[in-house]
Amino acid sequence: MSNALLVMDVQRAIVDIADDGSGYLSRLRRAIDGARAAGIPVIYVVIALRPGFPEVGTRNRALAAVAQAGLYVEGAPGTEIHPEVAPRPGVVVTKRRASAFSGSDLDVVLRARGIDSLVLTGIATSAVVLSTVCQANDLDFGLTVLADACLDTDPEVHRVLIERLFPQWADVVAVEEWIESVSGPAT
């Protein structure tokens, strides 16, 4: 299997809302560095909506609330990837909905590279991670979720998803455990 690490919605404004001071960004940085050291591509996924929000329907409560608040407009302050985990030259995919696949060319990018297994990280566990797990499972990707490289504003929702729902479709592991599995035995 060919893997890719997805770093999803770790944008400055989202981190400012969700980061609980638990060291999330340093754990995520460790996963990114571990992936690069193992030769695993790191693909960033961001949410960015067009000015005027033409892609937001009134029945989509979550996106309608985002549009009403004027958040995540392409190029607006806060939509950039957080500088602590900012990409080196590489692939950044822009999505228009909750799932990393919705309104983006992520599937094309992955298939062109022969990637059939995804390692998921991001904010929020109950939004981009959940939506992407469901869609990637339906697309027959192998899945791993890095439990401590996902974050949600509701710790209980995060816990239930990580402990009860995601294991039905994905391997759920901690960053350090995953790094050990991809880096091979220590010498």
N, C-alpha and C. Protein backbone atom coordinates (compact mmCIF):
# COMPACT_ATOMS: atom_id res chain seq x y z
N MET A 1 0.83 -1.19 0.00
CA MET A 1 0.00 0.00 0.00
C MET A 1 0.87 1.24 0.00
N SER A 2 0.37 2.25 -0.70
CA SER A 2 1.05 3.53 -0.72
C SER A 2 0.24 4.52 0.12
N ASN A 3 0.90 5.10 1.11
CA ASN A 3 0.25 5.98 2.09
C ASN A 3 0.46 7.45 1.78
N ALA A 4 -0.43 8.27 2.31
CA ALA A 4 -0.25 9.71 2.38
C ALA A 4 -0.80 10.18 3.72
N LEU A 5 -0.14 11.17 4.30
CA LEU A 5 -0.62 11.81 5.52
C LEU A 5 -1.42 13.03 5.11
N LEU A 6 -2.68 13.10 5.54
CA LEU A 6 -3.51 14.28 5.28
C LEU A 6 -3.54 15.16 6.52
N VAL A 7 -3.19 16.42 6.35
CA VAL A 7 -3.24 17.42 7.41
C VAL A 7 -4.39 18.35 7.03
N MET A 8 -5.52 18.23 7.74
CA MET A 8 -6.77 18.84 7.29
C MET A 8 -7.25 19.97 8.21
N ASP A 9 -7.52 21.10 7.58
CA ASP A 9 -8.13 22.27 8.22
C ASP A 9 -7.33 22.81 9.40
N VAL A 10 -6.02 22.66 9.36
CA VAL A 10 -5.18 23.21 10.43
C VAL A 10 -4.77 24.62 9.99
N GLN A 11 -5.80 25.45 9.93
CA GLN A 11 -5.65 26.83 9.50
C GLN A 11 -5.65 27.74 10.72
N ARG A 12 -5.02 28.88 10.60
CA ARG A 12 -4.80 29.75 11.76
C ARG A 12 -6.11 30.04 12.52
N ALA A 13 -7.17 30.42 11.85
CA ALA A 13 -8.42 30.77 12.53
C ALA A 13 -9.03 29.56 13.22
N ILE A 14 -8.90 28.39 12.61
CA ILE A 14 -9.47 27.17 13.21
C ILE A 14 -8.66 26.76 14.43
N VAL A 15 -7.34 26.84 14.33
CA VAL A 15 -6.48 26.52 15.48
C VAL A 15 -6.79 27.48 16.63
N ASP A 16 -6.98 28.77 16.31
CA ASP A 16 -7.27 29.75 17.34
C ASP A 16 -8.54 29.41 18.11
N ILE A 17 -9.52 28.81 17.45
CA ILE A 17 -10.78 28.43 18.09
C ILE A 17 -10.62 27.13 18.88
N ALA A 18 -9.94 26.15 18.29
CA ALA A 18 -9.96 24.79 18.83
C ALA A 18 -8.80 24.41 19.74
N ASP A 19 -7.64 25.03 19.57
CA ASP A 19 -6.47 24.56 20.31
C ASP A 19 -6.68 24.74 21.80
N ASP A 20 -6.51 23.65 22.51
CA ASP A 20 -6.77 23.63 23.95
C ASP A 20 -5.50 23.76 24.80
N GLY A 21 -4.39 24.07 24.16
CA GLY A 21 -3.14 24.21 24.89
C GLY A 21 -2.51 22.90 25.30
N SER A 22 -2.95 21.79 24.69
CA SER A 22 -2.47 20.46 25.07
C SER A 22 -1.24 20.01 24.29
N GLY A 23 -0.70 20.87 23.46
CA GLY A 23 0.44 20.48 22.64
C GLY A 23 0.05 19.88 21.31
N TYR A 24 -1.18 20.13 20.87
CA TYR A 24 -1.68 19.57 19.62
C TYR A 24 -0.74 19.85 18.44
N LEU A 25 -0.34 21.10 18.26
CA LEU A 25 0.49 21.44 17.09
C LEU A 25 1.84 20.74 17.12
N SER A 26 2.42 20.56 18.29
CA SER A 26 3.71 19.87 18.36
C SER A 26 3.55 18.38 18.04
N ARG A 27 2.44 17.76 18.46
CA ARG A 27 2.19 16.37 18.09
C ARG A 27 1.97 16.24 16.58
N LEU A 28 1.22 17.17 16.03
CA LEU A 28 0.99 17.16 14.58
C LEU A 28 2.30 17.37 13.83
N ARG A 29 3.13 18.29 14.30
CA ARG A 29 4.43 18.53 13.67
C ARG A 29 5.27 17.26 13.71
N ARG A 30 5.21 16.53 14.81
CA ARG A 30 5.94 15.26 14.94
C ARG A 30 5.46 14.25 13.91
N ALA A 31 4.14 14.17 13.68
CA ALA A 31 3.60 13.26 12.68
C ALA A 31 4.05 13.66 11.27
N ILE A 32 4.05 14.95 10.99
CA ILE A 32 4.49 15.45 9.68
C ILE A 32 5.95 15.11 9.46
N ASP A 33 6.78 15.39 10.45
CA ASP A 33 8.21 15.08 10.34
C ASP A 33 8.44 13.58 10.19
N GLY A 34 7.68 12.77 10.93
CA GLY A 34 7.80 11.32 10.83
C GLY A 34 7.41 10.81 9.45
N ALA A 35 6.35 11.38 8.89
CA ALA A 35 5.93 10.99 7.54
C ALA A 35 7.02 11.33 6.53
N ARG A 36 7.53 12.53 6.61
CA ARG A 36 8.58 12.94 5.65
C ARG A 36 9.81 12.06 5.78
N ALA A 37 10.20 11.75 7.01
CA ALA A 37 11.38 10.90 7.23
C ALA A 37 11.18 9.50 6.65
N ALA A 38 9.93 9.04 6.63
CA ALA A 38 9.62 7.71 6.09
C ALA A 38 9.29 7.75 4.59
N GLY A 39 9.39 8.94 3.98
CA GLY A 39 9.11 9.06 2.56
C GLY A 39 7.63 9.04 2.22
N ILE A 40 6.79 9.34 3.21
CA ILE A 40 5.34 9.37 3.00
C ILE A 40 4.93 10.80 2.63
N PRO A 41 4.22 10.97 1.51
CA PRO A 41 3.80 12.31 1.13
C PRO A 41 2.87 12.93 2.18
N VAL A 42 3.02 14.23 2.37
CA VAL A 42 2.16 15.00 3.26
C VAL A 42 1.32 15.92 2.38
N ILE A 43 0.02 15.76 2.47
CA ILE A 43 -0.90 16.56 1.67
C ILE A 43 -1.75 17.39 2.62
N TYR A 44 -1.75 18.70 2.40
CA TYR A 44 -2.53 19.61 3.22
C TYR A 44 -3.88 19.85 2.55
N VAL A 45 -4.91 19.90 3.37
CA VAL A 45 -6.26 20.19 2.89
C VAL A 45 -6.77 21.39 3.68
N VAL A 46 -7.26 22.40 2.96
CA VAL A 46 -7.81 23.59 3.61
C VAL A 46 -9.23 23.84 3.12
N ILE A 47 -10.01 24.48 3.96
CA ILE A 47 -11.33 24.93 3.54
C ILE A 47 -11.22 26.39 3.16
N ALA A 48 -11.73 26.70 1.98
CA ALA A 48 -11.76 28.09 1.51
C ALA A 48 -13.00 28.25 0.64
N LEU A 49 -13.80 29.22 0.99
CA LEU A 49 -15.04 29.48 0.28
C LEU A 49 -14.89 30.73 -0.57
N ARG A 50 -15.57 30.76 -1.69
CA ARG A 50 -15.50 31.91 -2.59
C ARG A 50 -16.21 33.12 -1.97
N PRO A 51 -15.75 34.32 -2.31
CA PRO A 51 -16.47 35.52 -1.85
C PRO A 51 -17.94 35.44 -2.28
N GLY A 52 -18.82 35.78 -1.37
CA GLY A 52 -20.24 35.69 -1.65
C GLY A 52 -20.83 34.33 -1.36
N PHE A 53 -20.00 33.35 -1.10
CA PHE A 53 -20.40 31.99 -0.70
C PHE A 53 -21.37 31.31 -1.67
N PRO A 54 -21.06 31.29 -2.98
CA PRO A 54 -21.98 30.65 -3.92
C PRO A 54 -22.13 29.14 -3.71
N GLU A 55 -21.18 28.51 -3.05
CA GLU A 55 -21.24 27.07 -2.84
C GLU A 55 -21.97 26.66 -1.57
N VAL A 56 -22.51 27.64 -0.83
CA VAL A 56 -23.16 27.36 0.44
C VAL A 56 -24.68 27.44 0.27
N GLY A 57 -25.33 26.28 0.45
CA GLY A 57 -26.78 26.23 0.40
C GLY A 57 -27.39 26.56 1.75
N THR A 58 -28.60 27.03 1.74
CA THR A 58 -29.27 27.43 2.99
C THR A 58 -29.60 26.24 3.87
N ARG A 59 -29.71 25.04 3.30
CA ARG A 59 -30.04 23.86 4.12
C ARG A 59 -28.82 23.26 4.80
N ASN A 60 -27.62 23.68 4.42
CA ASN A 60 -26.40 23.19 5.06
C ASN A 60 -26.14 24.08 6.28
N ARG A 61 -26.62 23.66 7.42
CA ARG A 61 -26.57 24.50 8.63
C ARG A 61 -25.15 24.93 8.99
N ALA A 62 -24.22 23.97 8.96
CA ALA A 62 -22.85 24.30 9.38
C ALA A 62 -22.22 25.33 8.45
N LEU A 63 -22.31 25.10 7.14
CA LEU A 63 -21.70 26.06 6.22
C LEU A 63 -22.47 27.37 6.17
N ALA A 64 -23.78 27.33 6.33
CA ALA A 64 -24.55 28.57 6.37
C ALA A 64 -24.11 29.43 7.55
N ALA A 65 -23.83 28.80 8.68
CA ALA A 65 -23.35 29.55 9.85
C ALA A 65 -21.97 30.14 9.58
N VAL A 66 -21.12 29.37 8.89
CA VAL A 66 -19.79 29.86 8.52
C VAL A 66 -19.93 31.07 7.60
N ALA A 67 -20.81 30.96 6.60
CA ALA A 67 -21.01 32.06 5.66
C ALA A 67 -21.57 33.30 6.37
N GLN A 68 -22.54 33.09 7.24
CA GLN A 68 -23.13 34.21 7.95
C GLN A 68 -22.09 34.94 8.80
N ALA A 69 -21.14 34.19 9.35
CA ALA A 69 -20.06 34.80 10.15
C ALA A 69 -18.95 35.36 9.27
N GLY A 70 -19.02 35.08 7.96
CA GLY A 70 -18.00 35.60 7.03
C GLY A 70 -16.66 34.91 7.16
N LEU A 71 -16.65 33.65 7.60
CA LEU A 71 -15.40 32.93 7.84
C LEU A 71 -14.91 32.18 6.60
N TYR A 72 -13.64 31.95 6.56
CA TYR A 72 -12.96 31.05 5.61
C TYR A 72 -13.12 31.46 4.14
N VAL A 73 -13.16 32.75 3.90
CA VAL A 73 -13.19 33.24 2.53
C VAL A 73 -11.78 33.15 1.96
N GLU A 74 -11.68 32.66 0.72
CA GLU A 74 -10.37 32.52 0.07
C GLU A 74 -9.53 33.78 0.28
N GLY A 75 -8.31 33.61 0.75
CA GLY A 75 -7.37 34.70 0.91
C GLY A 75 -7.56 35.56 2.13
N ALA A 76 -8.61 35.35 2.91
CA ALA A 76 -8.85 36.17 4.10
C ALA A 76 -7.86 35.80 5.20
N PRO A 77 -7.55 36.76 6.08
CA PRO A 77 -6.68 36.44 7.21
C PRO A 77 -7.26 35.28 8.02
N GLY A 78 -6.39 34.41 8.47
CA GLY A 78 -6.81 33.27 9.26
C GLY A 78 -7.05 32.01 8.46
N THR A 79 -7.16 32.11 7.14
CA THR A 79 -7.40 30.91 6.33
C THR A 79 -6.10 30.19 5.97
N GLU A 80 -4.96 30.83 6.21
CA GLU A 80 -3.69 30.19 5.88
C GLU A 80 -3.39 29.05 6.85
N ILE A 81 -2.62 28.09 6.38
CA ILE A 81 -2.20 26.98 7.23
C ILE A 81 -1.37 27.53 8.38
N HIS A 82 -1.61 27.01 9.58
CA HIS A 82 -0.92 27.53 10.76
C HIS A 82 0.59 27.43 10.54
N PRO A 83 1.34 28.50 10.86
CA PRO A 83 2.78 28.51 10.56
C PRO A 83 3.59 27.42 11.27
N GLU A 84 3.11 26.91 12.41
CA GLU A 84 3.85 25.85 13.11
C GLU A 84 3.87 24.53 12.34
N VAL A 85 2.94 24.37 11.41
CA VAL A 85 2.89 23.14 10.62
C VAL A 85 2.81 23.43 9.12
N ALA A 86 3.16 24.65 8.75
CA ALA A 86 3.04 25.08 7.35
C ALA A 86 3.83 24.16 6.42
N PRO A 87 3.27 23.94 5.24
CA PRO A 87 3.92 23.01 4.31
C PRO A 87 5.19 23.56 3.70
N ARG A 88 6.08 22.64 3.44
CA ARG A 88 7.19 22.94 2.55
C ARG A 88 6.58 22.89 1.16
N PRO A 89 7.30 23.23 0.12
CA PRO A 89 6.67 23.09 -1.20
C PRO A 89 6.05 21.70 -1.33
N GLY A 90 4.83 21.69 -1.79
CA GLY A 90 4.11 20.43 -1.90
C GLY A 90 2.67 20.68 -2.24
N VAL A 91 1.85 19.69 -1.99
CA VAL A 91 0.46 19.74 -2.41
C VAL A 91 -0.43 20.32 -1.31
N VAL A 92 -1.21 21.33 -1.69
CA VAL A 92 -2.26 21.87 -0.84
C VAL A 92 -3.55 21.78 -1.65
N VAL A 93 -4.54 21.10 -1.08
CA VAL A 93 -5.83 20.89 -1.74
C VAL A 93 -6.85 21.80 -1.05
N THR A 94 -7.64 22.49 -1.86
CA THR A 94 -8.71 23.34 -1.32
C THR A 94 -10.04 22.63 -1.48
N LYS A 95 -10.78 22.57 -0.39
CA LYS A 95 -12.11 21.94 -0.41
C LYS A 95 -13.16 23.01 -0.14
N ARG A 96 -14.41 22.65 -0.47
CA ARG A 96 -15.51 23.61 -0.30
C ARG A 96 -16.56 23.14 0.70
N ARG A 97 -16.37 21.94 1.25
CA ARG A 97 -17.32 21.35 2.19
C ARG A 97 -16.56 20.70 3.33
N ALA A 98 -17.26 19.92 4.15
CA ALA A 98 -16.63 19.32 5.33
C ALA A 98 -15.60 18.26 4.94
N SER A 99 -15.95 17.33 4.06
CA SER A 99 -15.03 16.26 3.68
C SER A 99 -13.89 16.81 2.83
N ALA A 100 -12.71 16.23 3.02
CA ALA A 100 -11.55 16.64 2.20
C ALA A 100 -11.78 16.34 0.72
N PHE A 101 -12.71 15.46 0.41
CA PHE A 101 -12.99 15.10 -0.97
C PHE A 101 -14.04 15.99 -1.62
N SER A 102 -14.89 16.62 -0.85
CA SER A 102 -16.03 17.38 -1.39
C SER A 102 -15.60 18.72 -1.96
N GLY A 103 -15.84 18.88 -3.24
CA GLY A 103 -15.50 20.15 -3.89
C GLY A 103 -14.01 20.34 -4.07
N SER A 104 -13.24 19.25 -4.05
CA SER A 104 -11.78 19.36 -4.23
C SER A 104 -11.32 18.35 -5.27
N ASP A 105 -10.05 18.43 -5.60
CA ASP A 105 -9.46 17.45 -6.52
C ASP A 105 -8.60 16.44 -5.77
N LEU A 106 -8.88 16.22 -4.49
CA LEU A 106 -8.08 15.31 -3.67
C LEU A 106 -8.04 13.91 -4.26
N ASP A 107 -9.18 13.36 -4.67
CA ASP A 107 -9.20 12.01 -5.21
C ASP A 107 -8.30 11.90 -6.44
N VAL A 108 -8.32 12.90 -7.30
CA VAL A 108 -7.47 12.90 -8.49
C VAL A 108 -6.00 12.92 -8.10
N VAL A 109 -5.64 13.77 -7.13
CA VAL A 109 -4.26 13.86 -6.66
C VAL A 109 -3.79 12.53 -6.09
N LEU A 110 -4.63 11.89 -5.28
CA LEU A 110 -4.26 10.62 -4.67
C LEU A 110 -4.12 9.52 -5.71
N ARG A 111 -5.08 9.41 -6.59
CA ARG A 111 -5.06 8.35 -7.62
C ARG A 111 -3.87 8.54 -8.57
N ALA A 112 -3.55 9.78 -8.91
CA ALA A 112 -2.42 10.05 -9.80
C ALA A 112 -1.10 9.61 -9.18
N ARG A 113 -1.03 9.61 -7.86
CA ARG A 113 0.18 9.21 -7.14
C ARG A 113 0.15 7.75 -6.69
N GLY A 114 -0.92 7.05 -7.03
CA GLY A 114 -1.04 5.65 -6.64
C GLY A 114 -1.27 5.45 -5.16
N ILE A 115 -1.82 6.44 -4.49
CA ILE A 115 -2.05 6.35 -3.04
C ILE A 115 -3.38 5.66 -2.79
N ASP A 116 -3.34 4.61 -1.97
CA ASP A 116 -4.55 3.87 -1.67
C ASP A 116 -4.82 3.74 -0.17
N SER A 117 -4.01 4.43 0.64
CA SER A 117 -4.17 4.38 2.09
C SER A 117 -3.89 5.76 2.67
N LEU A 118 -4.77 6.21 3.55
CA LEU A 118 -4.67 7.56 4.10
C LEU A 118 -4.47 7.53 5.61
N VAL A 119 -3.65 8.45 6.08
CA VAL A 119 -3.44 8.67 7.51
C VAL A 119 -4.02 10.05 7.79
N LEU A 120 -5.05 10.11 8.62
CA LEU A 120 -5.82 11.33 8.80
C LEU A 120 -5.48 12.05 10.10
N THR A 121 -5.36 13.38 9.97
CA THR A 121 -5.17 14.28 11.09
C THR A 121 -6.01 15.52 10.82
N GLY A 122 -6.31 16.30 11.85
CA GLY A 122 -6.98 17.55 11.57
C GLY A 122 -7.91 18.05 12.65
N ILE A 123 -8.46 19.22 12.33
CA ILE A 123 -9.41 19.92 13.19
C ILE A 123 -10.64 20.21 12.34
N ALA A 124 -11.73 19.76 12.66
CA ALA A 124 -12.19 19.16 13.89
C ALA A 124 -12.51 17.69 13.66
N THR A 125 -12.34 16.92 14.72
CA THR A 125 -12.63 15.50 14.67
C THR A 125 -14.07 15.26 14.21
N SER A 126 -14.99 16.10 14.67
CA SER A 126 -16.42 15.93 14.36
C SER A 126 -16.82 16.57 13.03
N ALA A 127 -15.90 17.13 12.32
CA ALA A 127 -16.21 17.78 11.03
C ALA A 127 -15.36 17.14 9.93
N VAL A 128 -14.21 17.73 9.63
CA VAL A 128 -13.41 17.25 8.50
C VAL A 128 -12.95 15.81 8.69
N VAL A 129 -12.55 15.43 9.88
CA VAL A 129 -12.05 14.06 10.08
C VAL A 129 -13.19 13.06 9.91
N LEU A 130 -14.31 13.29 10.57
CA LEU A 130 -15.45 12.39 10.45
C LEU A 130 -15.94 12.30 9.01
N SER A 131 -16.13 13.42 8.37
CA SER A 131 -16.63 13.43 6.98
C SER A 131 -15.67 12.73 6.04
N THR A 132 -14.38 12.95 6.23
CA THR A 132 -13.38 12.34 5.36
C THR A 132 -13.26 10.85 5.62
N VAL A 133 -13.32 10.42 6.86
CA VAL A 133 -13.31 8.98 7.17
C VAL A 133 -14.45 8.29 6.44
N CYS A 134 -15.65 8.84 6.55
CA CYS A 134 -16.81 8.22 5.91
C CYS A 134 -16.65 8.15 4.40
N GLN A 135 -16.25 9.25 3.78
CA GLN A 135 -16.13 9.26 2.32
C GLN A 135 -14.97 8.41 1.84
N ALA A 136 -13.84 8.47 2.53
CA ALA A 136 -12.67 7.67 2.13
C ALA A 136 -12.96 6.18 2.28
N ASN A 137 -13.71 5.81 3.31
CA ASN A 137 -14.12 4.42 3.47
C ASN A 137 -14.98 3.98 2.29
N ASP A 138 -15.92 4.81 1.88
CA ASP A 138 -16.76 4.50 0.73
C ASP A 138 -15.97 4.42 -0.56
N LEU A 139 -14.83 5.12 -0.63
CA LEU A 139 -13.97 5.10 -1.82
C LEU A 139 -12.93 3.99 -1.74
N ASP A 140 -13.00 3.15 -0.71
CA ASP A 140 -12.13 1.98 -0.54
C ASP A 140 -10.67 2.31 -0.25
N PHE A 141 -10.41 3.43 0.41
CA PHE A 141 -9.07 3.73 0.87
C PHE A 141 -8.82 2.98 2.17
N GLY A 142 -7.59 2.52 2.38
CA GLY A 142 -7.18 2.05 3.69
C GLY A 142 -7.08 3.27 4.59
N LEU A 143 -7.44 3.12 5.86
CA LEU A 143 -7.51 4.30 6.73
C LEU A 143 -6.81 4.08 8.07
N THR A 144 -6.08 5.11 8.48
CA THR A 144 -5.52 5.22 9.82
C THR A 144 -5.87 6.61 10.32
N VAL A 145 -6.31 6.71 11.55
CA VAL A 145 -6.57 8.00 12.18
C VAL A 145 -5.58 8.15 13.33
N LEU A 146 -4.86 9.26 13.33
CA LEU A 146 -3.93 9.55 14.43
C LEU A 146 -4.73 10.26 15.52
N ALA A 147 -5.08 9.52 16.55
CA ALA A 147 -6.01 9.99 17.58
C ALA A 147 -5.57 11.30 18.22
N ASP A 148 -4.30 11.42 18.53
CA ASP A 148 -3.82 12.62 19.21
C ASP A 148 -3.34 13.70 18.25
N ALA A 149 -3.56 13.49 16.95
CA ALA A 149 -3.30 14.53 15.95
C ALA A 149 -4.61 14.99 15.33
N CYS A 150 -5.71 14.67 16.02
CA CYS A 150 -7.03 15.19 15.70
C CYS A 150 -7.48 15.99 16.92
N LEU A 151 -8.30 16.99 16.69
CA LEU A 151 -8.72 17.87 17.78
C LEU A 151 -10.14 18.32 17.53
N ASP A 152 -10.90 18.49 18.60
CA ASP A 152 -12.27 18.96 18.50
C ASP A 152 -12.53 19.91 19.66
N THR A 153 -13.44 20.85 19.46
CA THR A 153 -13.78 21.76 20.54
C THR A 153 -14.58 21.07 21.64
N ASP A 154 -15.13 19.90 21.33
CA ASP A 154 -15.88 19.13 22.33
C ASP A 154 -15.10 17.85 22.63
N PRO A 155 -14.40 17.78 23.74
CA PRO A 155 -13.59 16.61 24.07
C PRO A 155 -14.38 15.31 24.13
N GLU A 156 -15.63 15.36 24.56
CA GLU A 156 -16.43 14.14 24.65
C GLU A 156 -16.80 13.62 23.25
N VAL A 157 -17.13 14.50 22.34
CA VAL A 157 -17.41 14.08 20.96
C VAL A 157 -16.14 13.48 20.35
N HIS A 158 -15.01 14.12 20.57
CA HIS A 158 -13.73 13.60 20.09
C HIS A 158 -13.51 12.18 20.62
N ARG A 159 -13.70 12.00 21.91
CA ARG A 159 -13.48 10.70 22.53
C ARG A 159 -14.38 9.62 21.93
N VAL A 160 -15.64 9.91 21.79
CA VAL A 160 -16.58 8.93 21.25
C VAL A 160 -16.20 8.56 19.81
N LEU A 161 -15.87 9.54 19.00
CA LEU A 161 -15.48 9.25 17.62
C LEU A 161 -14.21 8.40 17.57
N ILE A 162 -13.20 8.79 18.34
CA ILE A 162 -11.91 8.10 18.33
C ILE A 162 -12.03 6.69 18.91
N GLU A 163 -12.77 6.54 19.99
CA GLU A 163 -12.84 5.24 20.68
C GLU A 163 -13.93 4.31 20.16
N ARG A 164 -15.02 4.86 19.64
CA ARG A 164 -16.17 4.01 19.32
C ARG A 164 -16.50 3.94 17.83
N LEU A 165 -16.45 5.06 17.14
CA LEU A 165 -16.89 5.05 15.75
C LEU A 165 -15.77 4.76 14.76
N PHE A 166 -14.69 5.53 14.83
CA PHE A 166 -13.61 5.37 13.84
C PHE A 166 -13.02 3.97 13.79
N PRO A 167 -12.87 3.26 14.93
CA PRO A 167 -12.30 1.91 14.84
C PRO A 167 -13.10 0.93 13.97
N GLN A 168 -14.32 1.28 13.66
CA GLN A 168 -15.11 0.43 12.77
C GLN A 168 -14.59 0.46 11.34
N TRP A 169 -13.92 1.55 10.97
CA TRP A 169 -13.45 1.75 9.59
C TRP A 169 -11.95 1.96 9.46
N ALA A 170 -11.29 2.26 10.55
CA ALA A 170 -9.89 2.68 10.47
C ALA A 170 -9.08 2.12 11.63
N ASP A 171 -7.78 2.03 11.42
CA ASP A 171 -6.87 1.81 12.54
C ASP A 171 -6.74 3.14 13.26
N VAL A 172 -6.89 3.15 14.55
CA VAL A 172 -6.79 4.37 15.34
C VAL A 172 -5.60 4.21 16.27
N VAL A 173 -4.60 5.06 16.08
CA VAL A 173 -3.36 4.95 16.86
C VAL A 173 -2.87 6.34 17.26
N ALA A 174 -1.94 6.37 18.19
CA ALA A 174 -1.29 7.62 18.60
C ALA A 174 -0.15 7.94 17.63
N VAL A 175 0.22 9.19 17.60
CA VAL A 175 1.28 9.65 16.70
C VAL A 175 2.55 8.83 16.89
N GLU A 176 3.01 8.67 18.12
CA GLU A 176 4.27 7.96 18.36
C GLU A 176 4.20 6.51 17.90
N GLU A 177 3.09 5.86 18.14
CA GLU A 177 2.92 4.47 17.70
C GLU A 177 2.97 4.38 16.17
N TRP A 178 2.33 5.33 15.50
CA TRP A 178 2.35 5.33 14.04
C TRP A 178 3.75 5.60 13.50
N ILE A 179 4.46 6.55 14.09
CA ILE A 179 5.83 6.86 13.64
C ILE A 179 6.71 5.61 13.77
N GLU A 180 6.60 4.91 14.89
CA GLU A 180 7.37 3.67 15.06
C GLU A 180 7.04 2.66 13.99
N SER A 181 5.78 2.56 13.60
CA SER A 181 5.36 1.56 12.60
C SER A 181 5.86 1.90 11.20
N VAL A 182 6.03 3.19 10.89
CA VAL A 182 6.47 3.56 9.54
C VAL A 182 7.98 3.77 9.44
N SER A 183 8.64 3.94 10.60
CA SER A 183 10.08 4.19 10.55
C SER A 183 10.91 2.93 10.65
N GLY A 184 10.25 1.81 10.96
CA GLY A 184 10.98 0.56 11.08
C GLY A 184 11.64 0.43 12.43
N PRO A 185 12.26 -0.70 12.67
CA PRO A 185 12.90 -0.95 13.97
C PRO A 185 14.09 -0.02 14.20
N ALA A 186 14.23 0.39 15.45
CA ALA A 186 15.37 1.25 15.82
C ALA A 186 16.66 0.42 15.77
N THR A 187 17.71 1.08 15.35
CA THR A 187 19.02 0.39 15.28
C THR A 187 19.96 0.90 16.32
